[in-house]
């Protein structure tokens, strides 16, 4: 195993362990991890859209306000948080006159709200299962896409955006996500509707990855940041989650909630 792959593997496992620990704990710790990740992602988003340092810091502060209201020790997921999310978006837009910078708040806040909603939807194991499903299928998609792409190769998925991604990798990611969903159905009681929808969420996760790759290509950078050795920035790790988590919540509301 190369030194780079070893570093990437160790950091990746550490990140998954940290996410699982916060997920199992739920409540304040899960919220805190999402807030820290969200603020860091907003900073990286600001860099990718070419915001000035002052505007970048302003957007990071603005995104922290609606995320703070989501704290389980305060109000949790509420209409107040949604109102502040919209207000923060227009505040950044009016002050900086940058729609691209302001859109970062929605890109970050919406998946955070989605994950907090799923984790807190019901007490004990049900909320844990829903949030774990939304996260684990993204991890499974990344792993399946990586190994299928390396083993099979073949035609490129979007060569102008991400030359390393292949259609075989997409297929491997979808298969891995479906296997994850049906294992959770078989052994943890995940509703069949959600297990079957895991393939669509895998596509969403890959589209989220491609979207961030497009942003990086426009910015002329390889990674969104340098915080995570072997992985780049926080956005590099959570681009799939940002796309899949809101859709997972939508599927839950449409397919499961009476």
C-alpha atoms as a PDB file:
ATOM      1  CA  UNK A   1       0.000   0.000   0.000  1.00  0.00           C
ATOM      2  CA  UNK A   2       1.392   3.402  -1.000  1.00  0.00           C
ATOM      3  CA  UNK A   3       2.015   6.095   1.608  1.00  0.00           C
ATOM      4  CA  UNK A   4      -0.704   8.300   0.101  1.00  0.00           C
ATOM      5  CA  UNK A   5      -3.284   5.506   0.105  1.00  0.00           C
ATOM      6  CA  UNK A   6      -2.320   4.580   3.678  1.00  0.00           C
ATOM      7  CA  UNK A   7      -2.817   8.175   4.837  1.00  0.00           C
ATOM      8  CA  UNK A   8      -6.105   8.422   2.978  1.00  0.00           C
ATOM      9  CA  UNK A   9      -7.327   5.162   4.517  1.00  0.00           C
ATOM     10  CA  UNK A  10      -6.353   6.099   8.079  1.00  0.00           C
ATOM     11  CA  UNK A  11      -7.917   9.553   7.867  1.00  0.00           C
ATOM     12  CA  UNK A  12     -11.028   8.150   6.180  1.00  0.00           C
ATOM     13  CA  UNK A  13     -11.521   5.559   8.919  1.00  0.00           C
ATOM     14  CA  UNK A  14     -10.977   8.208  11.590  1.00  0.00           C
ATOM     15  CA  UNK A  15     -13.614  10.434   9.985  1.00  0.00           C
ATOM     16  CA  UNK A  16     -16.122   7.582   9.793  1.00  0.00           C
ATOM     17  CA  UNK A  17     -15.432   6.675  13.433  1.00  0.00           C
ATOM     18  CA  UNK A  18     -15.980  10.286  14.502  1.00  0.00           C
ATOM     19  CA  UNK A  19     -19.209  10.500  12.489  1.00  0.00           C
ATOM     20  CA  UNK A  20     -20.488   7.214  13.935  1.00  0.00           C
ATOM     21  CA  UNK A  21     -19.657   8.314  17.464  1.00  0.00           C
ATOM     22  CA  UNK A  22     -21.564  11.571  17.058  1.00  0.00           C
ATOM     23  CA  UNK A  23     -24.404   9.760  15.305  1.00  0.00           C
ATOM     24  CA  UNK A  24     -24.746   7.212  18.105  1.00  0.00           C
ATOM     25  CA  UNK A  25     -24.668   9.959  20.698  1.00  0.00           C
ATOM     26  CA  UNK A  26     -27.188  12.085  18.824  1.00  0.00           C
ATOM     27  CA  UNK A  27     -28.421  15.308  20.358  1.00  0.00           C
ATOM     28  CA  UNK A  28     -25.831  17.974  21.094  1.00  0.00           C
ATOM     29  CA  UNK A  29     -22.743  16.111  19.829  1.00  0.00           C
ATOM     30  CA  UNK A  30     -24.304  15.245  16.477  1.00  0.00           C
ATOM     31  CA  UNK A  31     -25.472  18.835  16.063  1.00  0.00           C
ATOM     32  CA  UNK A  32     -22.040  20.195  17.038  1.00  0.00           C
ATOM     33  CA  UNK A  33     -20.242  18.023  14.481  1.00  0.00           C
ATOM     34  CA  UNK A  34     -22.613  19.158  11.723  1.00  0.00           C
ATOM     35  CA  UNK A  35     -22.232  22.830  12.695  1.00  0.00           C
ATOM     36  CA  UNK A  36     -18.430  22.672  12.686  1.00  0.00           C
ATOM     37  CA  UNK A  37     -18.479  20.883   9.328  1.00  0.00           C
ATOM     38  CA  UNK A  38     -20.980  23.406   7.946  1.00  0.00           C
ATOM     39  CA  UNK A  39     -18.967  26.464   8.943  1.00  0.00           C
ATOM     40  CA  UNK A  40     -15.778  24.945   7.495  1.00  0.00           C
ATOM     41  CA  UNK A  41     -17.620  24.057   4.286  1.00  0.00           C
ATOM     42  CA  UNK A  42     -18.879  27.632   3.960  1.00  0.00           C
ATOM     43  CA  UNK A  43     -15.296  28.860   4.171  1.00  0.00           C
ATOM     44  CA  UNK A  44     -14.233  26.428   1.453  1.00  0.00           C
ATOM     45  CA  UNK A  45     -17.247  27.406  -0.656  1.00  0.00           C
ATOM     46  CA  UNK A  46     -16.166  31.037  -0.364  1.00  0.00           C
ATOM     47  CA  UNK A  47     -12.705  30.143  -1.640  1.00  0.00           C
ATOM     48  CA  UNK A  48     -14.120  28.183  -4.581  1.00  0.00           C
ATOM     49  CA  UNK A  49     -16.348  31.068  -5.717  1.00  0.00           C
ATOM     50  CA  UNK A  50     -13.513  33.607  -5.362  1.00  0.00           C
ATOM     51  CA  UNK A  51     -14.960  35.576  -2.426  1.00  0.00           C
ATOM     52  CA  UNK A  52     -12.776  38.123  -0.675  1.00  0.00           C
ATOM     53  CA  UNK A  53     -11.500  37.205   2.819  1.00  0.00           C
ATOM     54  CA  UNK A  54     -13.959  39.638   4.424  1.00  0.00           C
ATOM     55  CA  UNK A  55     -16.934  38.301   2.488  1.00  0.00           C
ATOM     56  CA  UNK A  56     -15.817  34.746   3.182  1.00  0.00           C
ATOM     57  CA  UNK A  57     -15.737  35.387   6.928  1.00  0.00           C
ATOM     58  CA  UNK A  58     -19.090  37.155   6.756  1.00  0.00           C
ATOM     59  CA  UNK A  59     -20.681  34.140   5.071  1.00  0.00           C
ATOM     60  CA  UNK A  60     -19.154  31.790   7.657  1.00  0.00           C
ATOM     61  CA  UNK A  61     -20.671  33.879  10.431  1.00  0.00           C
ATOM     62  CA  UNK A  62     -24.020  34.085   8.630  1.00  0.00           C
ATOM     63  CA  UNK A  63     -24.274  30.303   8.166  1.00  0.00           C
ATOM     64  CA  UNK A  64     -23.579  29.766  11.871  1.00  0.00           C
ATOM     65  CA  UNK A  65     -26.721  31.682  12.921  1.00  0.00           C
ATOM     66  CA  UNK A  66     -29.436  29.345  11.567  1.00  0.00           C
ATOM     67  CA  UNK A  67     -27.282  26.341  12.498  1.00  0.00           C
ATOM     68  CA  UNK A  68     -27.078  27.615  16.082  1.00  0.00           C
ATOM     69  CA  UNK A  69     -30.871  27.760  16.329  1.00  0.00           C
ATOM     70  CA  UNK A  70     -30.948  24.084  15.372  1.00  0.00           C
ATOM     71  CA  UNK A  71     -29.166  23.180  18.625  1.00  0.00           C
ATOM     72  CA  UNK A  72     -31.141  20.505  20.508  1.00  0.00           C
ATOM     73  CA  UNK A  73     -30.530  22.513  23.694  1.00  0.00           C
ATOM     74  CA  UNK A  74     -32.409  25.410  22.091  1.00  0.00           C
ATOM     75  CA  UNK A  75     -35.237  24.769  19.667  1.00  0.00           C
ATOM     76  CA  UNK A  76     -34.030  21.955  17.451  1.00  0.00           C
ATOM     77  CA  UNK A  77     -35.359  21.740  13.900  1.00  0.00           C
ATOM     78  CA  UNK A  78     -38.018  24.445  13.697  1.00  0.00           C
ATOM     79  CA  UNK A  79     -39.574  27.007  11.404  1.00  0.00           C
ATOM     80  CA  UNK A  80     -37.430  29.624  13.138  1.00  0.00           C
ATOM     81  CA  UNK A  81     -34.342  27.921  11.753  1.00  0.00           C
ATOM     82  CA  UNK A  82     -35.816  27.910   8.234  1.00  0.00           C
ATOM     83  CA  UNK A  83     -36.694  31.591   8.543  1.00  0.00           C
ATOM     84  CA  UNK A  84     -33.177  32.461   9.690  1.00  0.00           C
ATOM     85  CA  UNK A  85     -31.724  30.340   6.879  1.00  0.00           C
ATOM     86  CA  UNK A  86     -33.587  32.394   4.283  1.00  0.00           C
ATOM     87  CA  UNK A  87     -32.721  35.626   6.109  1.00  0.00           C
ATOM     88  CA  UNK A  88     -29.027  34.685   6.196  1.00  0.00           C
ATOM     89  CA  UNK A  89     -29.117  33.929   2.463  1.00  0.00           C
ATOM     90  CA  UNK A  90     -30.543  37.363   1.612  1.00  0.00           C
ATOM     91  CA  UNK A  91     -28.253  39.096   4.115  1.00  0.00           C
ATOM     92  CA  UNK A  92     -25.140  37.677   2.450  1.00  0.00           C
ATOM     93  CA  UNK A  93     -26.594  38.357  -1.000  1.00  0.00           C
ATOM     94  CA  UNK A  94     -27.359  42.015  -0.218  1.00  0.00           C
ATOM     95  CA  UNK A  95     -24.099  42.749   1.590  1.00  0.00           C
ATOM     96  CA  UNK A  96     -21.706  40.961  -0.755  1.00  0.00           C
ATOM     97  CA  UNK A  97     -23.798  41.200  -3.955  1.00  0.00           C
ATOM     98  CA  UNK A  98     -22.620  37.684  -4.753  1.00  0.00           C
ATOM     99  CA  UNK A  99     -25.332  35.149  -5.530  1.00  0.00           C
ATOM    100  CA  UNK A 100     -22.760  32.390  -5.807  1.00  0.00           C
ATOM    101  CA  UNK A 101     -21.480  33.053  -2.288  1.00  0.00           C
ATOM    102  CA  UNK A 102     -24.997  33.281  -0.843  1.00  0.00           C
ATOM    103  CA  UNK A 103     -26.035  29.988  -2.459  1.00  0.00           C
ATOM    104  CA  UNK A 104     -23.428  28.297  -0.287  1.00  0.00           C
ATOM    105  CA  UNK A 105     -25.646  28.864   2.751  1.00  0.00           C
ATOM    106  CA  UNK A 106     -28.445  26.841   1.186  1.00  0.00           C
ATOM    107  CA  UNK A 107     -26.004  24.180  -0.025  1.00  0.00           C
ATOM    108  CA  UNK A 108     -24.853  23.719   3.580  1.00  0.00           C
ATOM    109  CA  UNK A 109     -27.926  24.432   5.714  1.00  0.00           C
ATOM    110  CA  UNK A 110     -30.417  22.231   3.843  1.00  0.00           C
ATOM    111  CA  UNK A 111     -28.502  18.939   4.323  1.00  0.00           C
ATOM    112  CA  UNK A 112     -27.738  19.829   7.954  1.00  0.00           C
ATOM    113  CA  UNK A 113     -31.461  20.362   8.602  1.00  0.00           C
ATOM    114  CA  UNK A 114     -32.222  17.100   6.780  1.00  0.00           C
ATOM    115  CA  UNK A 115     -29.786  15.041   8.867  1.00  0.00           C
ATOM    116  CA  UNK A 116     -30.895  16.596  12.151  1.00  0.00           C
ATOM    117  CA  UNK A 117     -34.509  15.937  11.206  1.00  0.00           C
ATOM    118  CA  UNK A 118     -33.844  12.278  10.432  1.00  0.00           C
ATOM    119  CA  UNK A 119     -31.782  11.727  13.585  1.00  0.00           C
ATOM    120  CA  UNK A 120     -34.384  13.405  15.780  1.00  0.00           C
ATOM    121  CA  UNK A 121     -37.480  12.116  13.960  1.00  0.00           C
ATOM    122  CA  UNK A 122     -38.147   9.494  16.603  1.00  0.00           C
ATOM    123  CA  UNK A 123     -36.491   8.491  19.878  1.00  0.00           C
ATOM    124  CA  UNK A 124     -33.870   5.819  20.274  1.00  0.00           C
ATOM    125  CA  UNK A 125     -33.093   3.464  17.409  1.00  0.00           C
ATOM    126  CA  UNK A 126     -35.522   4.651  14.720  1.00  0.00           C
ATOM    127  CA  UNK A 127     -33.997   8.098  14.290  1.00  0.00           C
ATOM    128  CA  UNK A 128     -30.527   6.566  14.515  1.00  0.00           C
ATOM    129  CA  UNK A 129     -31.404   4.079  11.763  1.00  0.00           C
ATOM    130  CA  UNK A 130     -32.749   6.770   9.430  1.00  0.00           C
ATOM    131  CA  UNK A 131     -29.703   9.015   9.805  1.00  0.00           C
ATOM    132  CA  UNK A 132     -27.302   6.077   9.561  1.00  0.00           C
ATOM    133  CA  UNK A 133     -29.030   4.955   6.349  1.00  0.00           C
ATOM    134  CA  UNK A 134     -28.626   8.425   4.807  1.00  0.00           C
ATOM    135  CA  UNK A 135     -24.922   8.544   5.669  1.00  0.00           C
ATOM    136  CA  UNK A 136     -23.913   4.924   5.143  1.00  0.00           C
ATOM    137  CA  UNK A 137     -25.319   4.722   1.638  1.00  0.00           C
ATOM    138  CA  UNK A 138     -23.084   7.646   0.638  1.00  0.00           C
ATOM    139  CA  UNK A 139     -20.064   5.890   2.141  1.00  0.00           C
ATOM    140  CA  UNK A 140     -21.062   2.675   0.351  1.00  0.00           C
ATOM    141  CA  UNK A 141     -21.497   4.573  -2.929  1.00  0.00           C
ATOM    142  CA  UNK A 142     -18.012   6.094  -2.674  1.00  0.00           C
ATOM    143  CA  UNK A 143     -16.410   2.739  -1.875  1.00  0.00           C
ATOM    144  CA  UNK A 144     -18.338   0.846  -4.549  1.00  0.00           C
ATOM    145  CA  UNK A 145     -17.614   3.491  -7.185  1.00  0.00           C
ATOM    146  CA  UNK A 146     -13.907   3.564  -6.330  1.00  0.00           C
ATOM    147  CA  UNK A 147     -13.327  -0.182  -6.554  1.00  0.00           C
ATOM    148  CA  UNK A 148     -15.612  -0.774  -9.550  1.00  0.00           C
ATOM    149  CA  UNK A 149     -14.027   2.105 -11.422  1.00  0.00           C
ATOM    150  CA  UNK A 150     -10.522   0.817 -10.706  1.00  0.00           C
ATOM    151  CA  UNK A 151     -11.332  -2.800 -11.506  1.00  0.00           C
ATOM    152  CA  UNK A 152     -13.483  -2.314 -14.604  1.00  0.00           C
ATOM    153  CA  UNK A 153     -12.607   1.086 -16.030  1.00  0.00           C
ATOM    154  CA  UNK A 154     -14.308   1.797 -19.324  1.00  0.00           C
ATOM    155  CA  UNK A 155     -16.089   4.899 -20.630  1.00  0.00           C
ATOM    156  CA  UNK A 156     -15.801   8.081 -18.608  1.00  0.00           C
ATOM    157  CA  UNK A 157     -18.867   9.414 -16.836  1.00  0.00           C
ATOM    158  CA  UNK A 158     -18.090  13.138 -17.208  1.00  0.00           C
ATOM    159  CA  UNK A 159     -14.557  13.504 -18.573  1.00  0.00           C
ATOM    160  CA  UNK A 160     -14.622  17.306 -18.723  1.00  0.00           C
ATOM    161  CA  UNK A 161     -15.617  17.588 -15.071  1.00  0.00           C
ATOM    162  CA  UNK A 162     -14.033  14.568 -13.381  1.00  0.00           C
ATOM    163  CA  UNK A 163     -11.792  12.489 -15.666  1.00  0.00           C
ATOM    164  CA  UNK A 164     -11.403   9.685 -13.114  1.00  0.00           C
ATOM    165  CA  UNK A 165     -15.109   8.810 -12.849  1.00  0.00           C
ATOM    166  CA  UNK A 166     -16.511   6.055 -15.053  1.00  0.00           C
ATOM    167  CA  UNK A 167     -19.925   4.604 -15.804  1.00  0.00           C
ATOM    168  CA  UNK A 168     -18.692   1.354 -14.268  1.00  0.00           C
ATOM    169  CA  UNK A 169     -17.905   3.268 -11.083  1.00  0.00           C
ATOM    170  CA  UNK A 170     -21.402   4.717 -11.039  1.00  0.00           C
ATOM    171  CA  UNK A 171     -22.860   1.235 -11.437  1.00  0.00           C
ATOM    172  CA  UNK A 172     -20.663  -0.085  -8.645  1.00  0.00           C
ATOM    173  CA  UNK A 173     -21.729   2.765  -6.395  1.00  0.00           C
ATOM    174  CA  UNK A 174     -25.421   2.143  -7.070  1.00  0.00           C
ATOM    175  CA  UNK A 175     -25.008  -1.584  -6.411  1.00  0.00           C
ATOM    176  CA  UNK A 176     -23.136  -0.950  -3.144  1.00  0.00           C
ATOM    177  CA  UNK A 177     -25.813   1.507  -1.984  1.00  0.00           C
ATOM    178  CA  UNK A 178     -28.609  -0.964  -2.785  1.00  0.00           C
ATOM    179  CA  UNK A 179     -26.803  -3.749  -0.929  1.00  0.00           C
ATOM    180  CA  UNK A 180     -26.410  -1.423   2.065  1.00  0.00           C
ATOM    181  CA  UNK A 181     -30.078  -0.459   1.958  1.00  0.00           C
ATOM    182  CA  UNK A 182     -31.334  -4.033   1.761  1.00  0.00           C
ATOM    183  CA  UNK A 183     -28.962  -5.186   4.517  1.00  0.00           C
ATOM    184  CA  UNK A 184     -30.381  -2.449   6.744  1.00  0.00           C
ATOM    185  CA  UNK A 185     -33.871  -3.613   5.769  1.00  0.00           C
ATOM    186  CA  UNK A 186     -33.083  -7.241   6.535  1.00  0.00           C
ATOM    187  CA  UNK A 187     -31.219  -6.803   9.796  1.00  0.00           C
ATOM    188  CA  UNK A 188     -32.295  -3.390  11.174  1.00  0.00           C
ATOM    189  CA  UNK A 189     -35.863  -2.930   9.976  1.00  0.00           C
ATOM    190  CA  UNK A 190     -35.349  -0.148   7.452  1.00  0.00           C
ATOM    191  CA  UNK A 191     -38.584   0.188   5.440  1.00  0.00           C
ATOM    192  CA  UNK A 192     -38.414  -1.586   2.086  1.00  0.00           C
ATOM    193  CA  UNK A 193     -39.351   1.632   0.270  1.00  0.00           C
ATOM    194  CA  UNK A 194     -36.237   3.356   1.588  1.00  0.00           C
ATOM    195  CA  UNK A 195     -34.013   0.360   0.892  1.00  0.00           C
ATOM    196  CA  UNK A 196     -35.202   0.366  -2.740  1.00  0.00           C
ATOM    197  CA  UNK A 197     -34.638   4.124  -2.987  1.00  0.00           C
ATOM    198  CA  UNK A 198     -30.984   3.732  -2.004  1.00  0.00           C
ATOM    199  CA  UNK A 199     -29.966   3.376  -5.650  1.00  0.00           C
ATOM    200  CA  UNK A 200     -31.461   6.769  -6.490  1.00  0.00           C
ATOM    201  CA  UNK A 201     -29.651   8.305  -3.533  1.00  0.00           C
ATOM    202  CA  UNK A 202     -26.411   6.816  -4.847  1.00  0.00           C
ATOM    203  CA  UNK A 203     -26.993   8.682  -8.122  1.00  0.00           C
ATOM    204  CA  UNK A 204     -27.638  11.872  -6.141  1.00  0.00           C
ATOM    205  CA  UNK A 205     -24.407  11.352  -4.183  1.00  0.00           C
ATOM    206  CA  UNK A 206     -22.429  10.954  -7.405  1.00  0.00           C
ATOM    207  CA  UNK A 207     -24.053  14.070  -8.864  1.00  0.00           C
ATOM    208  CA  UNK A 208     -23.080  15.944  -5.708  1.00  0.00           C
ATOM    209  CA  UNK A 209     -19.520  14.762  -6.202  1.00  0.00           C
ATOM    210  CA  UNK A 210     -19.567  15.888  -9.841  1.00  0.00           C
ATOM    211  CA  UNK A 211     -21.000  19.274  -8.874  1.00  0.00           C
ATOM    212  CA  UNK A 212     -18.149  19.914  -6.469  1.00  0.00           C
ATOM    213  CA  UNK A 213     -15.643  18.703  -9.070  1.00  0.00           C
ATOM    214  CA  UNK A 214     -17.138  21.244 -11.480  1.00  0.00           C
ATOM    215  CA  UNK A 215     -16.729  23.998  -8.884  1.00  0.00           C
ATOM    216  CA  UNK A 216     -13.099  23.035  -8.281  1.00  0.00           C
ATOM    217  CA  UNK A 217     -12.388  22.942 -11.996  1.00  0.00           C
ATOM    218  CA  UNK A 218     -13.847  26.434 -12.376  1.00  0.00           C
ATOM    219  CA  UNK A 219     -11.711  27.625  -9.467  1.00  0.00           C
ATOM    220  CA  UNK A 220      -8.609  25.919 -10.863  1.00  0.00           C
ATOM    221  CA  UNK A 221      -7.878  23.874  -7.734  1.00  0.00           C
ATOM    222  CA  UNK A 222      -7.488  20.163  -7.057  1.00  0.00           C
ATOM    223  CA  UNK A 223      -9.192  20.111  -3.642  1.00  0.00           C
ATOM    224  CA  UNK A 224     -11.614  22.373  -1.796  1.00  0.00           C
ATOM    225  CA  UNK A 225      -9.137  22.658   1.085  1.00  0.00           C
ATOM    226  CA  UNK A 226      -6.157  21.081   2.832  1.00  0.00           C
ATOM    227  CA  UNK A 227      -7.583  20.335   6.276  1.00  0.00           C
ATOM    228  CA  UNK A 228      -7.856  16.544   5.816  1.00  0.00           C
ATOM    229  CA  UNK A 229      -4.615  14.791   4.745  1.00  0.00           C
ATOM    230  CA  UNK A 230      -5.196  12.584   1.724  1.00  0.00           C
ATOM    231  CA  UNK A 231      -8.760  13.862   1.314  1.00  0.00           C
ATOM    232  CA  UNK A 232      -8.514  17.626   0.775  1.00  0.00           C
ATOM    233  CA  UNK A 233     -11.195  19.749   2.374  1.00  0.00           C
ATOM    234  CA  UNK A 234     -14.422  19.100   4.244  1.00  0.00           C
ATOM    235  CA  UNK A 235     -16.456  19.665   1.073  1.00  0.00           C
ATOM    236  CA  UNK A 236     -14.411  16.970  -0.647  1.00  0.00           C
ATOM    237  CA  UNK A 237     -15.682  14.472   1.928  1.00  0.00           C
ATOM    238  CA  UNK A 238     -19.264  15.681   2.265  1.00  0.00           C
ATOM    239  CA  UNK A 239     -20.231  16.624  -1.293  1.00  0.00           C
ATOM    240  CA  UNK A 240     -22.196  13.390  -1.687  1.00  0.00           C
ATOM    241  CA  UNK A 241     -23.905  13.831   1.683  1.00  0.00           C
ATOM    242  CA  UNK A 242     -24.912  17.389   0.771  1.00  0.00           C
ATOM    243  CA  UNK A 243     -26.815  16.053  -2.236  1.00  0.00           C
ATOM    244  CA  UNK A 244     -28.161  12.791  -0.808  1.00  0.00           C
ATOM    245  CA  UNK A 245     -29.311  13.826   2.688  1.00  0.00           C
ATOM    246  CA  UNK A 246     -32.120  16.192   1.575  1.00  0.00           C
ATOM    247  CA  UNK A 247     -33.359  13.614  -0.921  1.00  0.00           C
ATOM    248  CA  UNK A 248     -33.275  10.901   1.752  1.00  0.00           C
ATOM    249  CA  UNK A 249     -35.457  13.080   3.973  1.00  0.00           C
ATOM    250  CA  UNK A 250     -37.845  13.734   1.093  1.00  0.00           C
ATOM    251  CA  UNK A 251     -38.169  10.013   0.367  1.00  0.00           C
ATOM    252  CA  UNK A 252     -38.842   9.345   4.046  1.00  0.00           C
ATOM    253  CA  UNK A 253     -41.594  11.965   4.152  1.00  0.00           C
ATOM    254  CA  UNK A 254     -43.173  10.792   0.895  1.00  0.00           C
ATOM    255  CA  UNK A 255     -42.814   7.029   1.205  1.00  0.00           C
ATOM    256  CA  UNK A 256     -42.958   6.278   4.917  1.00  0.00           C
ATOM    257  CA  UNK A 257     -44.671   9.018   6.894  1.00  0.00           C
ATOM    258  CA  UNK A 258     -48.460   8.469   6.729  1.00  0.00           C
END
